[in-house]
Amino acid sequence: MLAGMADHKQINFTIVPDDAPGPDRQYANFCAVAHTPFDFTLTFCEVAPLSEKEIRDAEQEHMVKAPVRAKIVLPVQFIGPLIAALQENLRVYTESTQNQGPMGPVH
């Protein structure tokens, strides 16, 4: 064990947005997840509705291209708390929308 490893201290802090120029938000309606022994990669894409021709092409090629909006690499230790935060937010959302909940896949 490294020196200082047993001396964990809890620090309370507030996250504030960075005012640097750039887009505040990116829209994504698809997320691909991959992992290594060390981290998880979340690749967020925007999948637009397909035209009839794009559907035919996709049926032949077995592929639909969607622009990547963000690729986020997270350490493994971050995944459990992230899942817990998402579950809690989904619970609050579901309760606030009178138990209507998500309406299924959006892509």
C-alpha atoms as a PDB file:
ATOM      1  CA  MET A   1       0.000   0.000   0.000  1.00  0.00           C
ATOM      2  CA  LEU A   2       1.328   3.417  -0.880  1.00  0.00           C
ATOM      3  CA  ALA A   3       1.827   5.949   1.863  1.00  0.00           C
ATOM      4  CA  GLY A   4      -1.245   8.109   2.290  1.00  0.00           C
ATOM      5  CA  MET A   5      -3.609   5.654   0.592  1.00  0.00           C
ATOM      6  CA  ALA A   6      -5.452   4.928   3.865  1.00  0.00           C
ATOM      7  CA  ASP A   7      -5.905   8.632   4.652  1.00  0.00           C
ATOM      8  CA  HIS A   8      -8.940   9.353   2.464  1.00  0.00           C
ATOM      9  CA  LYS A   9     -10.669  12.647   3.191  1.00  0.00           C
ATOM     10  CA  GLN A  10     -14.096  13.651   1.971  1.00  0.00           C
ATOM     11  CA  ILE A  11     -14.135  16.961   0.151  1.00  0.00           C
ATOM     12  CA  ASN A  12     -17.382  18.734  -0.679  1.00  0.00           C
ATOM     13  CA  PHE A  13     -17.302  20.882  -3.787  1.00  0.00           C
ATOM     14  CA  THR A  14     -19.563  22.536  -6.336  1.00  0.00           C
ATOM     15  CA  ILE A  15     -19.101  22.116 -10.064  1.00  0.00           C
ATOM     16  CA  VAL A  16     -19.586  25.306 -12.068  1.00  0.00           C
ATOM     17  CA  PRO A  17     -19.793  25.485 -15.864  1.00  0.00           C
ATOM     18  CA  ASP A  18     -16.753  26.688 -17.745  1.00  0.00           C
ATOM     19  CA  ASP A  19     -17.511  29.920 -19.593  1.00  0.00           C
ATOM     20  CA  ALA A  20     -15.088  29.099 -22.407  1.00  0.00           C
ATOM     21  CA  PRO A  21     -16.547  29.540 -25.892  1.00  0.00           C
ATOM     22  CA  GLY A  22     -18.035  26.472 -27.507  1.00  0.00           C
ATOM     23  CA  PRO A  23     -21.282  24.548 -27.634  1.00  0.00           C
ATOM     24  CA  ASP A  24     -22.901  24.107 -24.240  1.00  0.00           C
ATOM     25  CA  ARG A  25     -24.717  20.942 -25.256  1.00  0.00           C
ATOM     26  CA  GLN A  26     -24.658  18.253 -27.891  1.00  0.00           C
ATOM     27  CA  TYR A  27     -27.736  16.233 -28.807  1.00  0.00           C
ATOM     28  CA  ALA A  28     -27.379  12.457 -28.994  1.00  0.00           C
ATOM     29  CA  ASN A  29     -30.008   9.747 -29.230  1.00  0.00           C
ATOM     30  CA  PHE A  30     -27.706   6.734 -29.383  1.00  0.00           C
ATOM     31  CA  CYS A  31     -24.852   5.606 -27.164  1.00  0.00           C
ATOM     32  CA  ALA A  32     -22.426   2.786 -27.887  1.00  0.00           C
ATOM     33  CA  VAL A  33     -20.532   1.385 -24.908  1.00  0.00           C
ATOM     34  CA  ALA A  34     -17.165  -0.388 -24.993  1.00  0.00           C
ATOM     35  CA  HIS A  35     -14.666  -1.237 -22.278  1.00  0.00           C
ATOM     36  CA  THR A  36     -11.115  -2.294 -21.558  1.00  0.00           C
ATOM     37  CA  PRO A  37      -9.804  -3.634 -18.244  1.00  0.00           C
ATOM     38  CA  PHE A  38      -9.084  -0.008 -17.294  1.00  0.00           C
ATOM     39  CA  ASP A  39     -11.888   2.170 -18.641  1.00  0.00           C
ATOM     40  CA  PHE A  40     -15.262   2.464 -20.349  1.00  0.00           C
ATOM     41  CA  THR A  41     -15.811   4.429 -23.552  1.00  0.00           C
ATOM     42  CA  LEU A  42     -19.212   5.982 -24.218  1.00  0.00           C
ATOM     43  CA  THR A  43     -19.657   7.085 -27.822  1.00  0.00           C
ATOM     44  CA  PHE A  44     -22.656   9.361 -28.272  1.00  0.00           C
ATOM     45  CA  CYS A  45     -24.136   9.689 -31.779  1.00  0.00           C
ATOM     46  CA  GLU A  46     -27.069  11.430 -33.392  1.00  0.00           C
ATOM     47  CA  VAL A  47     -29.196   9.068 -35.468  1.00  0.00           C
ATOM     48  CA  ALA A  48     -31.545  11.007 -37.733  1.00  0.00           C
ATOM     49  CA  PRO A  49     -34.726   9.496 -39.175  1.00  0.00           C
ATOM     50  CA  LEU A  50     -33.878   7.532 -42.315  1.00  0.00           C
ATOM     51  CA  SER A  51     -35.301   8.100 -45.789  1.00  0.00           C
ATOM     52  CA  GLU A  52     -36.674   5.165 -47.762  1.00  0.00           C
ATOM     53  CA  LYS A  53     -33.430   5.032 -49.771  1.00  0.00           C
ATOM     54  CA  GLU A  54     -31.321   5.069 -46.599  1.00  0.00           C
ATOM     55  CA  ILE A  55     -33.417   2.216 -45.198  1.00  0.00           C
ATOM     56  CA  ARG A  56     -32.880   0.159 -48.374  1.00  0.00           C
ATOM     57  CA  ASP A  57     -29.134   0.920 -48.295  1.00  0.00           C
ATOM     58  CA  ALA A  58     -28.970  -0.038 -44.613  1.00  0.00           C
ATOM     59  CA  GLU A  59     -30.746  -3.323 -45.317  1.00  0.00           C
ATOM     60  CA  GLN A  60     -28.130  -4.188 -47.938  1.00  0.00           C
ATOM     61  CA  GLU A  61     -25.062  -2.882 -46.129  1.00  0.00           C
ATOM     62  CA  HIS A  62     -26.235  -3.732 -42.575  1.00  0.00           C
ATOM     63  CA  MET A  63     -24.905  -0.343 -41.530  1.00  0.00           C
ATOM     64  CA  VAL A  64     -26.242   3.122 -40.729  1.00  0.00           C
ATOM     65  CA  LYS A  65     -23.763   5.961 -40.356  1.00  0.00           C
ATOM     66  CA  ALA A  66     -24.385   8.465 -37.584  1.00  0.00           C
ATOM     67  CA  PRO A  67     -22.198  11.421 -36.651  1.00  0.00           C
ATOM     68  CA  VAL A  68     -20.327  11.101 -33.365  1.00  0.00           C
ATOM     69  CA  ARG A  69     -21.269  13.996 -31.083  1.00  0.00           C
ATOM     70  CA  ALA A  70     -18.982  13.057 -28.177  1.00  0.00           C
ATOM     71  CA  LYS A  71     -16.691  10.248 -27.101  1.00  0.00           C
ATOM     72  CA  ILE A  72     -16.117  10.047 -23.354  1.00  0.00           C
ATOM     73  CA  VAL A  73     -13.565   7.724 -21.718  1.00  0.00           C
ATOM     74  CA  LEU A  74     -14.266   7.020 -18.030  1.00  0.00           C
ATOM     75  CA  PRO A  75     -12.208   5.115 -15.481  1.00  0.00           C
ATOM     76  CA  VAL A  76     -13.826   1.881 -14.293  1.00  0.00           C
ATOM     77  CA  GLN A  77     -14.193   3.308 -10.759  1.00  0.00           C
ATOM     78  CA  PHE A  78     -16.496   6.032 -12.117  1.00  0.00           C
ATOM     79  CA  ILE A  79     -19.051   3.661 -13.684  1.00  0.00           C
ATOM     80  CA  GLY A  80     -20.823   2.479 -10.502  1.00  0.00           C
ATOM     81  CA  PRO A  81     -21.489   6.012  -9.203  1.00  0.00           C
ATOM     82  CA  LEU A  82     -22.543   7.102 -12.719  1.00  0.00           C
ATOM     83  CA  ILE A  83     -25.072   4.257 -12.956  1.00  0.00           C
ATOM     84  CA  ALA A  84     -26.389   5.099  -9.461  1.00  0.00           C
ATOM     85  CA  ALA A  85     -26.768   8.790 -10.405  1.00  0.00           C
ATOM     86  CA  LEU A  86     -28.592   7.874 -13.630  1.00  0.00           C
ATOM     87  CA  GLN A  87     -30.922   5.491 -11.769  1.00  0.00           C
ATOM     88  CA  GLU A  88     -31.717   8.142  -9.147  1.00  0.00           C
ATOM     89  CA  ASN A  89     -32.396  10.779 -11.796  1.00  0.00           C
ATOM     90  CA  LEU A  90     -34.598   8.341 -13.738  1.00  0.00           C
ATOM     91  CA  ARG A  91     -36.525   7.593 -10.533  1.00  0.00           C
ATOM     92  CA  VAL A  92     -37.095  11.302  -9.860  1.00  0.00           C
ATOM     93  CA  TYR A  93     -38.029  11.908 -13.504  1.00  0.00           C
ATOM     94  CA  THR A  94     -40.492   9.002 -13.485  1.00  0.00           C
ATOM     95  CA  GLU A  95     -42.115  10.214 -10.266  1.00  0.00           C
ATOM     96  CA  SER A  96     -42.330  13.799 -11.544  1.00  0.00           C
ATOM     97  CA  THR A  97     -44.031  12.707 -14.766  1.00  0.00           C
ATOM     98  CA  GLN A  98     -46.649  10.743 -12.824  1.00  0.00           C
ATOM     99  CA  ASN A  99     -45.060   7.377 -13.497  1.00  0.00           C
ATOM    100  CA  GLN A 100     -45.250   7.726 -17.276  1.00  0.00           C
ATOM    101  CA  GLY A 101     -41.534   6.959 -17.559  1.00  0.00           C
ATOM    102  CA  PRO A 102     -39.535   6.768 -20.745  1.00  0.00           C
ATOM    103  CA  MET A 103     -41.506   5.934 -23.847  1.00  0.00           C
ATOM    104  CA  GLY A 104     -39.004   3.394 -25.187  1.00  0.00           C
ATOM    105  CA  PRO A 105     -36.080   3.736 -27.575  1.00  0.00           C
ATOM    106  CA  VAL A 106     -35.682   7.111 -29.247  1.00  0.00           C
ATOM    107  CA  HIS A 107     -33.641   5.913 -32.212  1.00  0.00           C
END
